[in-house]
Protein backbone atom coordinates (compact mmCIF):
# COMPACT_ATOMS: atom_id res chain seq x y z
CA MET A 1 83.51 88.30 132.36
CA HIS A 2 84.46 85.62 134.83
CA ALA A 3 83.71 86.00 138.51
CA ASN A 4 87.37 85.77 139.41
CA SER A 5 88.07 88.95 137.44
CA ALA A 6 86.33 90.95 140.19
CA SER A 7 89.11 90.22 142.69
CA PRO A 8 92.46 90.25 140.90
CA GLU A 9 94.24 91.12 144.17
CA ARG A 10 93.45 87.58 145.34
CA GLN A 11 95.12 86.03 142.30
CA ASN A 12 98.80 85.51 141.67
CA ALA A 13 100.49 86.85 138.53
CA GLN A 14 100.15 83.55 136.65
CA GLN A 15 96.39 83.43 137.29
CA ARG A 16 95.92 87.03 136.19
CA ALA A 17 97.98 86.43 133.03
CA ALA A 18 95.94 83.30 132.28
CA HIS A 19 92.72 85.32 132.64
CA ILE A 20 93.98 87.97 130.20
CA ARG A 21 94.97 85.20 127.77
CA GLU A 22 91.53 83.57 128.04
CA VAL A 23 89.61 86.83 127.42
CA VAL A 24 91.78 87.91 124.48
CA LEU A 25 91.68 84.47 122.83
CA ALA A 26 87.90 84.42 123.18
CA LYS A 27 87.70 87.82 121.45
CA GLY A 28 89.91 86.53 118.63
CA MET A 29 87.63 83.51 118.15
CA GLU A 30 84.57 85.77 118.14
CA LEU A 31 86.15 88.02 115.47
CA ARG A 32 86.92 85.00 113.27
CA GLN A 33 83.33 83.80 113.55
CA ARG A 34 81.96 87.25 112.74
CA TYR A 35 84.38 87.86 109.85
CA PRO A 36 85.17 84.48 108.23
CA VAL A 37 87.85 86.07 106.00
CA LEU A 38 90.04 86.24 109.13
CA ASN A 39 90.29 82.43 109.06
CA HIS A 40 92.37 82.59 105.87
CA GLN A 41 95.55 83.48 107.73
CA ASP A 42 98.11 82.42 105.08
CA ALA A 43 96.28 84.28 102.31
CA LEU A 44 95.92 87.40 104.47
CA GLY A 45 99.63 87.40 105.32
CA ALA A 46 100.59 87.06 101.66
CA ALA A 47 98.09 89.77 100.65
CA ILE A 48 99.38 92.24 103.26
CA LEU A 49 102.94 91.58 102.06
CA ALA A 50 101.93 92.13 98.41
CA PHE A 51 100.16 95.37 99.40
CA ALA A 52 103.18 96.66 101.34
CA LEU A 53 105.69 95.81 98.61
CA ALA A 54 103.45 97.28 95.88
CA GLY A 55 103.10 100.43 97.98
CA MET A 56 106.88 100.76 98.42
CA ILE A 57 107.63 100.11 94.74
CA GLY A 58 104.81 102.42 93.60
CA SER A 59 105.96 105.27 95.85
CA ALA A 60 109.54 104.81 94.68
CA ALA A 61 108.45 104.90 91.01
CA LEU A 62 106.39 108.07 91.55
CA TYR A 63 109.32 109.76 93.32
CA ILE A 64 111.93 108.72 90.73
CA THR A 65 109.73 109.94 87.84
CA GLY A 66 109.15 113.28 89.55
CA HIS A 67 105.50 112.76 90.46
CA MET A 68 105.95 112.63 94.25
CA ALA A 69 107.90 114.81 96.71
CA TRP A 70 110.84 113.06 98.40
CA TRP A 71 109.39 113.46 101.90
CA VAL A 72 106.01 111.97 100.90
CA CYS A 73 107.79 108.92 99.45
CA LEU A 74 109.96 108.56 102.57
CA LEU A 75 106.98 108.74 104.97
CA LEU A 76 104.82 106.39 102.90
CA ASN A 77 107.58 103.81 102.58
CA ALA A 78 108.31 103.98 106.31
CA PHE A 79 104.64 103.09 106.91
CA PHE A 80 104.63 100.26 104.32
CA ALA A 81 107.90 98.90 105.77
CA SER A 82 106.30 98.88 109.24
CA LEU A 83 103.71 96.42 107.89
CA THR A 84 106.51 94.11 106.75
CA HIS A 85 108.05 94.30 110.24
CA GLU A 86 104.79 93.03 111.73
CA LEU A 87 104.71 90.26 109.13
CA GLU A 88 108.29 89.26 109.97
CA HIS A 89 107.38 89.08 113.64
CA ASP A 90 104.39 86.83 112.83
CA LEU A 91 106.58 84.68 110.55
CA ILE A 92 109.11 84.26 113.37
CA HIS A 93 106.24 82.75 115.36
CA SER A 94 105.34 80.55 112.33
CA MET A 95 101.93 82.13 111.76
CA TYR A 96 101.97 81.98 107.94
CA PHE A 97 102.64 78.88 105.83
CA ARG A 98 103.79 77.01 108.93
CA LYS A 99 104.05 73.67 107.08
CA GLN A 100 105.04 75.04 103.66
CA ARG A 101 108.70 75.95 103.84
CA VAL A 102 109.05 77.52 100.38
CA PRO A 103 106.37 80.25 100.72
CA HIS A 104 107.28 80.73 104.40
CA ASN A 105 110.95 81.35 103.66
CA LEU A 106 110.11 83.42 100.58
CA MET A 107 108.01 85.72 102.77
CA LEU A 108 110.88 85.98 105.28
CA ALA A 109 113.28 86.92 102.48
CA LEU A 110 110.92 89.56 101.06
CA VAL A 111 110.24 91.24 104.43
CA TRP A 112 114.02 91.37 104.97
CA LEU A 113 114.53 93.05 101.57
CA ALA A 114 111.87 95.62 102.48
CA ARG A 115 113.76 96.35 105.74
CA PRO A 116 117.47 96.03 104.91
CA SER A 117 118.39 97.88 108.12
CA THR A 118 117.57 94.82 110.23
CA ILE A 119 119.34 91.64 111.24
CA ASN A 120 118.95 88.39 109.34
CA PRO A 121 115.38 87.20 110.20
CA TRP A 122 116.45 83.55 110.47
CA ILE A 123 118.92 84.62 113.19
CA ARG A 124 116.39 86.99 114.75
CA ARG A 125 113.99 84.07 115.21
CA HIS A 126 116.28 82.58 117.90
CA LEU A 127 116.78 85.96 119.59
CA HIS A 128 113.06 86.73 119.61
CA LEU A 129 111.91 83.36 120.94
CA ASN A 130 114.55 83.78 123.66
CA HIS A 131 113.07 87.25 124.37
CA HIS A 132 109.78 85.62 125.33
CA LYS A 133 111.54 83.19 127.70
CA VAL A 134 113.72 85.75 129.50
CA SER A 135 111.99 89.10 128.89
CA GLY A 136 113.19 91.82 131.24
CA SER A 137 116.46 90.11 132.15
CA GLU A 138 120.05 90.67 131.05
CA ALA A 139 119.76 87.51 128.92
CA ASP A 140 117.13 89.23 126.73
CA MET A 141 119.60 90.10 123.98
CA GLU A 142 116.94 91.35 121.55
CA GLU A 143 115.61 94.10 123.82
CA ARG A 144 119.04 94.96 125.23
CA ALA A 145 120.28 95.48 121.66
CA ILE A 146 117.64 98.17 121.08
CA THR A 147 118.55 100.00 124.36
CA ASN A 148 116.02 98.54 126.82
CA GLY A 149 117.52 99.14 130.29
CA GLU A 150 119.95 101.87 129.15
CA PRO A 151 119.86 105.14 131.10
CA TRP A 152 118.66 108.00 128.91
CA GLY A 153 121.37 110.23 127.50
CA LEU A 154 123.28 110.93 124.29
CA ALA A 155 124.50 107.33 123.98
CA ARG A 156 120.98 105.87 124.13
CA LEU A 157 119.68 108.49 121.68
CA LEU A 158 122.40 107.52 119.18
CA MET A 159 121.85 103.80 119.76
CA VAL A 160 118.05 103.73 119.56
CA GLY A 161 117.81 104.61 115.89
CA ASP A 162 121.07 103.22 114.52
CA ASN A 163 121.88 99.51 114.79
CA MET A 164 125.52 99.98 113.83
CA MET A 165 126.02 102.79 116.37
CA SER A 166 124.49 100.54 119.02
CA SER A 167 127.04 97.82 118.22
CA LEU A 168 129.90 100.34 118.10
CA ILE A 169 129.06 101.84 121.50
CA ARG A 170 128.75 98.37 123.05
CA MET A 171 132.11 97.44 121.52
CA LEU A 172 133.76 100.58 122.95
CA ARG A 173 132.28 99.83 126.37
CA ALA A 174 133.48 96.21 126.38
CA LYS A 175 136.20 95.71 128.98
CA THR A 176 138.44 93.21 127.19
CA TRP A 177 139.72 92.86 123.65
CA ALA A 178 138.13 89.41 123.48
CA GLN A 179 134.71 90.94 124.24
CA LYS A 180 135.27 93.72 121.69
CA ARG A 181 136.22 91.19 119.03
CA SER A 182 133.21 89.01 119.90
CA ILE A 183 130.78 91.96 119.49
CA PHE A 184 132.45 92.96 116.21
CA MET A 185 132.28 89.45 114.74
CA ARG A 186 128.68 88.93 115.91
CA THR A 187 127.68 92.27 114.34
CA LEU A 188 129.18 91.24 111.00
CA LYS A 189 127.42 87.87 111.16
CA VAL A 190 123.90 89.05 112.02
CA TYR A 191 123.89 92.17 109.81
CA ALA A 192 125.50 90.73 106.66
CA PRO A 193 124.86 91.50 103.93
CA LEU A 194 121.79 93.77 103.76
CA ALA A 195 122.20 95.85 106.91
CA LEU A 196 125.89 96.46 106.22
CA LEU A 197 124.93 97.83 102.78
CA ASN A 198 122.00 99.80 104.23
CA TRP A 199 123.93 101.52 107.01
CA GLY A 200 126.99 101.98 104.79
CA THR A 201 124.79 103.82 102.29
CA TRP A 202 123.34 105.94 105.12
CA TYR A 203 126.79 106.97 106.37
CA VAL A 204 127.99 107.83 102.84
CA PHE A 205 124.85 109.98 102.44
CA LEU A 206 125.40 111.77 105.76
CA GLY A 207 129.13 112.21 105.12
CA PHE A 208 128.70 113.63 101.62
CA HIS A 209 125.96 116.11 102.48
CA GLY A 210 127.58 116.98 105.80
CA ALA A 211 130.86 117.78 104.02
CA ASN A 212 129.00 119.92 101.47
CA GLY A 213 127.19 121.75 104.26
CA VAL A 214 130.39 122.55 106.15
CA ALA A 215 132.15 123.60 102.91
CA ALA A 216 129.26 125.91 102.01
CA LEU A 217 129.42 127.54 105.45
CA LEU A 218 133.16 128.10 104.99
CA GLY A 219 132.57 129.55 101.54
CA ALA A 220 134.73 126.90 99.88
CA PRO A 221 132.45 124.47 97.99
CA ILE A 222 133.95 121.07 97.17
CA GLU A 223 134.53 120.25 93.49
CA TRP A 224 133.40 116.63 93.33
CA SER A 225 134.22 114.51 90.29
CA ALA A 226 131.47 113.62 87.80
CA THR A 227 131.71 109.97 88.89
CA THR A 228 131.21 110.89 92.57
CA LEU A 229 128.20 113.05 91.73
CA ALA A 230 126.68 110.26 89.62
CA VAL A 231 127.17 107.72 92.44
CA MET A 232 125.70 110.15 94.98
CA GLN A 233 122.63 110.62 92.82
CA GLY A 234 122.02 106.88 93.17
CA VAL A 235 122.72 107.06 96.91
CA ASP A 236 120.24 109.92 97.32
CA ILE A 237 117.52 107.92 95.55
CA ALA A 238 118.25 104.83 97.69
CA VAL A 239 118.01 106.94 100.86
CA VAL A 240 114.62 108.40 99.90
CA VAL A 241 112.98 105.15 98.77
CA LEU A 242 114.46 102.53 101.14
CA VAL A 243 117.28 103.51 103.52
CA GLY A 244 115.69 106.68 104.97
CA PRO A 245 112.26 105.11 105.52
CA ASN A 246 113.93 102.32 107.48
CA VAL A 247 116.04 104.72 109.55
CA LEU A 248 112.81 106.51 110.54
CA ARG A 249 110.94 103.25 111.12
CA THR A 250 113.82 101.83 113.18
CA PHE A 251 113.95 104.88 115.45
CA CYS A 252 110.18 104.86 116.02
CA LEU A 253 110.01 101.11 116.69
CA HIS A 254 113.07 100.96 118.95
CA PHE A 255 112.06 104.05 120.94
CA VAL A 256 108.57 102.66 121.60
CA SER A 257 109.59 99.02 122.12
CA SER A 258 112.55 99.70 124.42
CA ASN A 259 110.37 101.86 126.69
CA MET A 260 107.25 99.68 126.81
CA HIS A 261 109.29 96.68 127.97
CA TYR A 262 110.59 96.66 131.55
CA TYR A 263 114.12 95.63 132.49
CA GLY A 264 116.15 94.55 135.48
CA ASP A 265 113.68 93.95 138.31
CA VAL A 266 111.12 91.82 136.46
CA GLU A 267 110.25 88.53 138.18
CA PRO A 268 111.24 85.63 135.86
CA GLY A 269 108.19 84.43 133.94
CA ASN A 270 105.90 87.17 135.29
CA VAL A 271 104.21 88.35 132.07
CA ILE A 272 102.22 91.02 133.95
CA GLN A 273 105.51 92.80 134.72
CA GLN A 274 107.20 92.39 131.33
CA THR A 275 105.45 95.19 129.43
CA GLN A 276 103.20 98.20 129.78
CA VAL A 277 100.73 99.75 127.34
CA LEU A 278 102.46 102.90 126.09
CA ASN A 279 100.03 104.99 124.04
CA PRO A 280 99.98 108.67 125.12
CA TRP A 281 98.68 111.05 122.43
CA TRP A 282 102.11 112.59 121.82
CA LEU A 283 103.57 109.22 120.77
CA TRP A 284 101.21 108.94 117.79
CA PRO A 285 103.74 110.26 115.25
CA LEU A 286 106.05 107.39 116.29
CA GLN A 287 103.27 104.79 116.54
CA ALA A 288 102.32 105.59 112.93
CA PHE A 289 105.61 104.08 111.73
CA CYS A 290 105.61 100.99 113.97
CA PHE A 291 101.95 99.99 113.50
CA ASN A 292 100.70 101.13 116.91
CA PHE A 293 103.30 98.95 118.62
CA GLY A 294 103.14 100.66 122.02
CA SER A 295 99.41 100.06 122.25
CA SER A 296 99.21 96.51 120.90
CA HIS A 297 102.50 94.69 121.52
CA GLY A 298 101.87 94.03 125.21
CA ILE A 299 98.90 91.87 124.19
CA HIS A 300 101.33 89.63 122.27
CA HIS A 301 103.18 88.70 125.47
CA PHE A 302 99.94 87.14 126.75
CA VAL A 303 98.63 85.71 123.46
CA VAL A 304 101.66 84.83 121.38
CA LYS A 305 100.04 83.13 118.39
CA GLU A 306 97.61 85.81 117.19
CA PRO A 307 98.68 87.66 114.00
CA PHE A 308 99.20 91.40 114.27
CA TYR A 309 95.94 92.43 112.59
CA ILE A 310 93.85 90.29 114.99
CA ARG A 311 95.85 91.72 117.90
CA GLN A 312 95.04 95.22 116.70
CA LEU A 313 91.32 94.37 116.47
CA THR A 314 91.30 93.00 120.04
CA VAL A 315 92.88 96.16 121.54
CA PRO A 316 89.71 97.58 123.23
CA VAL A 317 88.84 94.30 124.96
CA ALA A 318 92.47 93.45 125.74
CA HIS A 319 93.22 96.85 127.27
CA LYS A 320 90.18 96.60 129.55
CA VAL A 321 91.13 93.20 130.98
CA MET A 322 94.85 94.09 131.14
CA ALA A 323 94.05 97.18 133.22
CA GLU A 324 91.80 95.11 135.52
CA MET A 325 94.59 92.57 136.03
CA GLY A 326 97.26 95.15 136.92
CA VAL A 327 99.19 95.75 133.69
CA ARG A 328 100.54 99.30 133.73
CA PHE A 329 99.37 101.96 131.30
CA ASN A 330 101.47 104.97 130.28
CA ASP A 331 103.95 104.65 133.13
CA LEU A 332 106.10 107.54 131.88
CA GLY A 333 108.41 107.24 134.88
CA THR A 334 110.10 104.43 132.92
CA PHE A 335 112.12 107.07 131.05
CA ALA A 336 113.75 108.28 134.28
CA ARG A 337 114.19 104.77 135.74
CA ALA A 338 116.04 103.23 132.78
CA ASN A 339 112.99 100.97 132.28
CA ARG A 340 112.99 99.50 135.79
CA LEU A 341 109.63 98.61 137.31
CA GLN A 342 110.56 100.38 140.53
CA ALA A 343 112.54 103.49 141.32
CA PRO A 344 115.99 102.64 142.75
CA PRO A 345 116.16 102.54 146.59
CA VAL A 346 117.91 105.93 146.77
CA ALA A 347 114.85 107.63 145.22
CA SER A 348 112.69 109.72 147.53
CA GLY A 349 109.61 108.21 149.14
CA LEU A 350 107.52 110.72 147.24
CA ALA A 351 108.83 109.44 143.90
CA ARG A 352 108.12 105.87 144.95
CA ALA A 353 104.61 106.79 146.04
CA GLY A 354 103.97 108.07 142.53
CA LEU A 355 104.44 104.58 141.05
CA ARG A 356 101.04 102.98 140.97
CA SER A 357 99.74 99.49 140.33
CA ASN A 358 102.95 97.57 140.84
CA PRO A 359 101.91 94.06 139.78
């Protein structure tokens, strides 16, 4: 450890961030020397993708042939899909097949097919790279879209797990017809065609089974046509093997990500203030379907070019130096503050005193 790490209070935010970056990068280099297989980044990315896709297809086949319960298939495929999300994120930062466009774009296409609930990854690339430039500000469209900075309530709960609902609520809130039309057209553009099919299938599933549930309660079951029942059988299968796993994965990822990023009073370019480490024990059920995002993603803001599996391996060292340099850990007050770093001025002095380690 460097001597300057003993007195972080004497360093500015940029110096502390640089120290975190230096320590984490050194750990990554040490891991690569100890385990030479980690140097084969392209091959590892392709292998993880093959593993995730084989897992999703295998689970689907076992469910469809009656050898696996629907809920086991749904949970397994949510986990496998979470691996493809991490791969997409790494691909956005050009970590696999950087100079080979065909395999690079093929991987992007495959991770999108595994997660049809998401926006077009080629469009997301621009949004995500912008996120790193303006994290915590109103211009951070990627985090704002997944409810970062929204006060907690019914609207945020609906928006956090449903991309279409998020767009709809933003459209309803827009003050002018021009703004409403802009949000509508942008939604069609970024979600076509896969997410529109995915969420459309989800709403048909909810509508059909919701109508049957209400009819059963009223004692007047609906007599659906044979064609409708045949179509719904296909919809039910799609929901178990692909749509449902991604609804679960989306909720887990967006809940964790939107609350581990800060919003509104972050100093521009101050990486120390952009994120916290959010890993309380009770979040583990959610972390399981977003590959431990709350624990590991903050590291990525300091060391952008490390793939997700290296980032995960550096967690113990990274957390130690991040804590020393003033990054917050499990600041649960963020839920009451709509993700602000500080409580609003009207809050009591006691509440403010409870906020520790403001970087």
